C-alpha atoms as a PDB file:
ATOM      1  CA  MET A   1      24.419  36.266 -21.837  1.00  0.00           C
ATOM      2  CA  LYS A   2      24.389  34.566 -18.470  1.00  0.00           C
ATOM      3  CA  LYS A   3      20.715  35.493 -17.916  1.00  0.00           C
ATOM      4  CA  ALA A   4      19.841  33.893 -21.321  1.00  0.00           C
ATOM      5  CA  ALA A   5      21.754  30.775 -20.499  1.00  0.00           C
ATOM      6  CA  PHE A   6      20.133  30.613 -17.101  1.00  0.00           C
ATOM      7  CA  SER A   7      16.642  30.993 -18.504  1.00  0.00           C
ATOM      8  CA  ILE A   8      17.330  28.215 -21.083  1.00  0.00           C
ATOM      9  CA  ALA A   9      18.600  25.896 -18.387  1.00  0.00           C
ATOM     10  CA  LEU A  10      15.617  26.566 -16.195  1.00  0.00           C
ATOM     11  CA  THR A  11      13.191  25.977 -18.992  1.00  0.00           C
ATOM     12  CA  ILE A  12      14.820  22.604 -19.831  1.00  0.00           C
ATOM     13  CA  ILE A  13      14.816  21.599 -16.082  1.00  0.00           C
ATOM     14  CA  SER A  14      11.123  22.491 -15.853  1.00  0.00           C
ATOM     15  CA  ALA A  15      10.245  20.550 -18.940  1.00  0.00           C
ATOM     16  CA  THR A  16      12.150  17.512 -17.685  1.00  0.00           C
ATOM     17  CA  ALA A  17      10.405  17.778 -14.294  1.00  0.00           C
ATOM     18  CA  MET A  18       7.010  17.716 -15.958  1.00  0.00           C
ATOM     19  CA  ALA A  19       8.062  14.845 -18.102  1.00  0.00           C
ATOM     20  CA  GLN A  20       8.723  12.602 -15.025  1.00  0.00           C
ATOM     21  CA  THR A  21       5.129  12.275 -14.043  1.00  0.00           C
ATOM     22  CA  PRO A  22       1.947  12.022 -16.208  1.00  0.00           C
ATOM     23  CA  TYR A  23      -0.022  14.232 -13.909  1.00  0.00           C
ATOM     24  CA  LYS A  24       0.243  16.686 -11.024  1.00  0.00           C
ATOM     25  CA  THR A  25      -2.802  16.084  -8.835  1.00  0.00           C
ATOM     26  CA  ALA A  26      -5.288  13.146  -8.620  1.00  0.00           C
ATOM     27  CA  LEU A  27      -8.155  12.051  -6.355  1.00  0.00           C
ATOM     28  CA  GLY A  28      -9.105   8.453  -5.865  1.00  0.00           C
ATOM     29  CA  LEU A  29     -10.104   5.468  -3.871  1.00  0.00           C
ATOM     30  CA  GLY A  30      -7.864   3.006  -2.255  1.00  0.00           C
ATOM     31  CA  ILE A  31      -8.253  -0.434  -0.731  1.00  0.00           C
ATOM     32  CA  ASP A  32      -5.775  -1.741   1.875  1.00  0.00           C
ATOM     33  CA  LEU A  33      -5.810  -5.510   2.145  1.00  0.00           C
ATOM     34  CA  GLY A  34      -3.813  -8.499   3.096  1.00  0.00           C
ATOM     35  CA  ASN A  35      -3.032  -9.916   6.601  1.00  0.00           C
ATOM     36  CA  GLY A  36      -5.296  -8.423   9.259  1.00  0.00           C
ATOM     37  CA  ALA A  37      -8.174  -6.013   8.671  1.00  0.00           C
ATOM     38  CA  SER A  38      -9.030  -4.445   5.298  1.00  0.00           C
ATOM     39  CA  PHE A  39      -9.601  -0.706   4.784  1.00  0.00           C
ATOM     40  CA  PHE A  40     -11.204   1.373   2.124  1.00  0.00           C
ATOM     41  CA  GLY A  41     -11.191   5.092   1.683  1.00  0.00           C
ATOM     42  CA  PRO A  42     -10.341   8.254  -0.287  1.00  0.00           C
ATOM     43  CA  GLN A  43      -6.832   9.319  -1.361  1.00  0.00           C
ATOM     44  CA  VAL A  44      -5.275  12.387  -2.876  1.00  0.00           C
ATOM     45  CA  LYS A  45      -1.830  12.507  -4.532  1.00  0.00           C
ATOM     46  CA  HIS A  46       0.068  15.591  -5.529  1.00  0.00           C
ATOM     47  CA  VAL A  47       3.375  15.632  -7.376  1.00  0.00           C
ATOM     48  CA  PHE A  48       5.399  18.590  -6.271  1.00  0.00           C
ATOM     49  CA  GLY A  49       8.849  18.012  -7.653  1.00  0.00           C
ATOM     50  CA  TYR A  50      11.044  16.250 -10.151  1.00  0.00           C
ATOM     51  CA  ASN A  51      10.525  12.897  -8.506  1.00  0.00           C
ATOM     52  CA  ALA A  52       8.630  13.820  -5.354  1.00  0.00           C
ATOM     53  CA  ALA A  53       5.022  13.210  -4.539  1.00  0.00           C
ATOM     54  CA  LEU A  54       2.771  13.331  -1.365  1.00  0.00           C
ATOM     55  CA  GLN A  55      -0.151  11.001  -0.986  1.00  0.00           C
ATOM     56  CA  ALA A  56      -2.643  11.405   1.783  1.00  0.00           C
ATOM     57  CA  GLN A  57      -5.573   9.022   2.655  1.00  0.00           C
ATOM     58  CA  VAL A  58      -8.332   8.417   5.066  1.00  0.00           C
ATOM     59  CA  MET A  59      -9.104   4.710   5.418  1.00  0.00           C
ATOM     60  CA  PHE A  60     -12.038   3.017   7.199  1.00  0.00           C
ATOM     61  CA  SER A  61     -12.542  -0.628   8.262  1.00  0.00           C
ATOM     62  CA  ASP A  62     -15.542  -2.617   9.409  1.00  0.00           C
ATOM     63  CA  TYR A  63     -13.864  -2.937  12.872  1.00  0.00           C
ATOM     64  CA  ASN A  64     -14.556   0.664  13.978  1.00  0.00           C
ATOM     65  CA  PHE A  65     -11.072   1.791  12.923  1.00  0.00           C
ATOM     66  CA  MET A  66     -10.095   4.809  10.967  1.00  0.00           C
ATOM     67  CA  TYR A  67      -6.633   5.509   9.730  1.00  0.00           C
ATOM     68  CA  ILE A  68      -5.285   9.001   8.560  1.00  0.00           C
ATOM     69  CA  GLY A  69      -1.962   8.859   6.815  1.00  0.00           C
ATOM     70  CA  ALA A  70       0.398  10.761   4.533  1.00  0.00           C
ATOM     71  CA  ASP A  71       3.176   9.246   2.459  1.00  0.00           C
ATOM     72  CA  TYR A  72       6.156  10.808   0.812  1.00  0.00           C
ATOM     73  CA  GLN A  73       6.962   8.962  -2.502  1.00  0.00           C
ATOM     74  CA  TYR A  74      10.003   9.020  -4.794  1.00  0.00           C
ATOM     75  CA  VAL A  75       8.419   8.472  -8.241  1.00  0.00           C
ATOM     76  CA  LYS A  76      10.289   7.414 -11.403  1.00  0.00           C
ATOM     77  CA  ASN A  77       8.873   6.630 -14.832  1.00  0.00           C
ATOM     78  CA  PHE A  78      10.024   3.565 -16.610  1.00  0.00           C
ATOM     79  CA  PRO A  79      12.295   4.497 -19.567  1.00  0.00           C
ATOM     80  CA  GLU A  80      10.593   5.275 -22.857  1.00  0.00           C
ATOM     81  CA  THR A  81       7.149   5.671 -21.221  1.00  0.00           C
ATOM     82  CA  ARG A  82       5.146   8.517 -19.542  1.00  0.00           C
ATOM     83  CA  ALA A  83       2.306   6.299 -18.416  1.00  0.00           C
ATOM     84  CA  PHE A  84       3.995   3.568 -16.273  1.00  0.00           C
ATOM     85  CA  ALA A  85       6.017   4.480 -13.132  1.00  0.00           C
ATOM     86  CA  TRP A  86       7.402   2.865 -10.048  1.00  0.00           C
ATOM     87  CA  TYR A  87       7.689   4.484  -6.587  1.00  0.00           C
ATOM     88  CA  LEU A  88       9.177   4.084  -3.134  1.00  0.00           C
ATOM     89  CA  GLY A  89       7.800   5.826  -0.067  1.00  0.00           C
ATOM     90  CA  VAL A  90       7.189   5.996   3.605  1.00  0.00           C
ATOM     91  CA  GLY A  91       4.784   7.766   5.787  1.00  0.00           C
ATOM     92  CA  PRO A  92       3.154   7.952   9.223  1.00  0.00           C
ATOM     93  CA  GLN A  93      -0.320   6.825  10.029  1.00  0.00           C
ATOM     94  CA  LEU A  94      -2.632   7.506  12.951  1.00  0.00           C
ATOM     95  CA  GLY A  95      -5.209   4.909  13.779  1.00  0.00           C
ATOM     96  CA  PHE A  96      -8.210   5.612  15.854  1.00  0.00           C
ATOM     97  CA  ASN A  97      -9.941   2.598  17.560  1.00  0.00           C
ATOM     98  CA  THR A  98     -13.487   3.307  18.730  1.00  0.00           C
ATOM     99  CA  ASN A  99     -14.415  -0.357  19.376  1.00  0.00           C
ATOM    100  CA  GLY A 100     -14.112  -0.542  23.124  1.00  0.00           C
ATOM    101  CA  GLY A 101     -10.528   0.349  23.364  1.00  0.00           C
ATOM    102  CA  ASN A 102     -10.766   4.044  22.477  1.00  0.00           C
ATOM    103  CA  TYR A 103      -7.044   4.463  21.740  1.00  0.00           C
ATOM    104  CA  THR A 104      -4.778   5.874  19.016  1.00  0.00           C
ATOM    105  CA  GLU A 105      -2.176   3.862  17.242  1.00  0.00           C
ATOM    106  CA  PHE A 106       0.929   5.336  15.556  1.00  0.00           C
ATOM    107  CA  SER A 107       2.333   3.368  12.605  1.00  0.00           C
ATOM    108  CA  LEU A 108       4.978   3.761   9.889  1.00  0.00           C
ATOM    109  CA  ARG A 109       4.079   2.358   6.397  1.00  0.00           C
ATOM    110  CA  PRO A 110       6.922   1.938   3.968  1.00  0.00           C
ATOM    111  CA  GLN A 111       5.823   1.146   0.346  1.00  0.00           C
ATOM    112  CA  ALA A 112       7.070  -0.039  -3.062  1.00  0.00           C
ATOM    113  CA  GLY A 113       4.655   0.208  -5.895  1.00  0.00           C
ATOM    114  CA  LEU A 114       3.617   0.587  -9.505  1.00  0.00           C
ATOM    115  CA  GLU A 115       1.372   3.132 -11.074  1.00  0.00           C
ATOM    116  CA  PHE A 116      -0.141   3.216 -14.486  1.00  0.00           C
ATOM    117  CA  LYS A 117      -1.945   6.198 -16.199  1.00  0.00           C
ATOM    118  CA  LEU A 118      -4.472   4.941 -18.723  1.00  0.00           C
ATOM    119  CA  PRO A 119      -3.875   6.519 -22.179  1.00  0.00           C
ATOM    120  CA  GLU A 120      -6.460   8.893 -23.474  1.00  0.00           C
ATOM    121  CA  VAL A 121      -8.450   8.728 -20.173  1.00  0.00           C
ATOM    122  CA  PRO A 122      -7.877  10.795 -16.958  1.00  0.00           C
ATOM    123  CA  LEU A 123      -7.568   7.720 -14.787  1.00  0.00           C
ATOM    124  CA  GLY A 124      -4.597   6.055 -13.036  1.00  0.00           C
ATOM    125  CA  LEU A 125      -4.246   2.726 -11.312  1.00  0.00           C
ATOM    126  CA  HIS A 126      -1.769   1.701  -8.636  1.00  0.00           C
ATOM    127  CA  PHE A 127      -0.668  -1.397  -6.752  1.00  0.00           C
ATOM    128  CA  ASP A 128       1.907  -1.438  -3.948  1.00  0.00           C
ATOM    129  CA  TRP A 129       3.331  -3.562  -1.208  1.00  0.00           C
ATOM    130  CA  LYS A 130       2.790  -1.488   1.980  1.00  0.00           C
ATOM    131  CA  PRO A 131       3.823  -3.306   5.148  1.00  0.00           C
ATOM    132  CA  TRP A 132       2.491  -2.037   8.499  1.00  0.00           C
ATOM    133  CA  TRP A 133       4.775  -1.209  11.443  1.00  0.00           C
ATOM    134  CA  ARG A 134       2.785  -0.280  14.522  1.00  0.00           C
ATOM    135  CA  LEU A 135       5.067   1.495  17.023  1.00  0.00           C
ATOM    136  CA  ASN A 136       2.817   1.608  20.174  1.00  0.00           C
ATOM    137  CA  HIS A 137       0.103  -0.653  21.770  1.00  0.00           C
ATOM    138  CA  GLY A 138       2.282  -3.758  21.400  1.00  0.00           C
ATOM    139  CA  SER A 139       4.636  -2.917  18.604  1.00  0.00           C
ATOM    140  CA  HIS A 140       4.047  -5.206  15.624  1.00  0.00           C
ATOM    141  CA  PHE A 141       5.318  -5.530  12.056  1.00  0.00           C
ATOM    142  CA  THR A 142       2.961  -6.977   9.389  1.00  0.00           C
ATOM    143  CA  ALA A 143       4.661  -7.597   6.045  1.00  0.00           C
ATOM    144  CA  GLY A 144       1.689  -8.967   4.226  1.00  0.00           C
ATOM    145  CA  LYS A 145      -0.176  -5.768   3.448  1.00  0.00           C
ATOM    146  CA  PHE A 146      -1.015  -4.343   0.002  1.00  0.00           C
ATOM    147  CA  THR A 147      -2.929  -1.457  -1.452  1.00  0.00           C
ATOM    148  CA  ILE A 148      -4.705  -1.075  -4.760  1.00  0.00           C
ATOM    149  CA  GLY A 149      -6.454   1.984  -6.073  1.00  0.00           C
ATOM    150  CA  VAL A 150      -7.850   3.986  -8.839  1.00  0.00           C
ATOM    151  CA  LYS A 151      -7.467   7.728  -9.278  1.00  0.00           C
ATOM    152  CA  TYR A 152      -9.197  10.497 -11.339  1.00  0.00           C
ATOM    153  CA  ILE A 153      -6.499  12.759 -12.711  1.00  0.00           C
ATOM    154  CA  LEU A 154      -7.418  16.424 -12.103  1.00  0.00           C
ATOM    155  CA  LYS A 155      -4.411  18.016 -13.918  1.00  0.00           C
END
């Protein structure tokens, strides 16, 4: 009896976990813009828990800069919808400057955003506020940074 109850509970928890996010893995392109330089590059997002996701990106600018970052996100759907969610997250970024300085920056990027999965189509859109806190090479905080992106949903 205990095994049957445990199996039923596990099934309900698994179904609820899948209901929190409209997809498991997506590949896309992001644009980081606002105050300072703008960046563009590929992103991948994987949902690995009830409300947990990991998003990684490689972003390039026209100022010979490249950033590699990974963000942990807490994702939650709005009530009564599977296609529209909000998220909060934070993650480290490494920036590589090859324009004369040849140095590496370390930054933290908190974020608050919205994501929408288009109905009937395997595409998702996101918009977030993603301030930039550079921790070395003259520590600096830039509040006016945002990202927008489109993702192709793999599964």
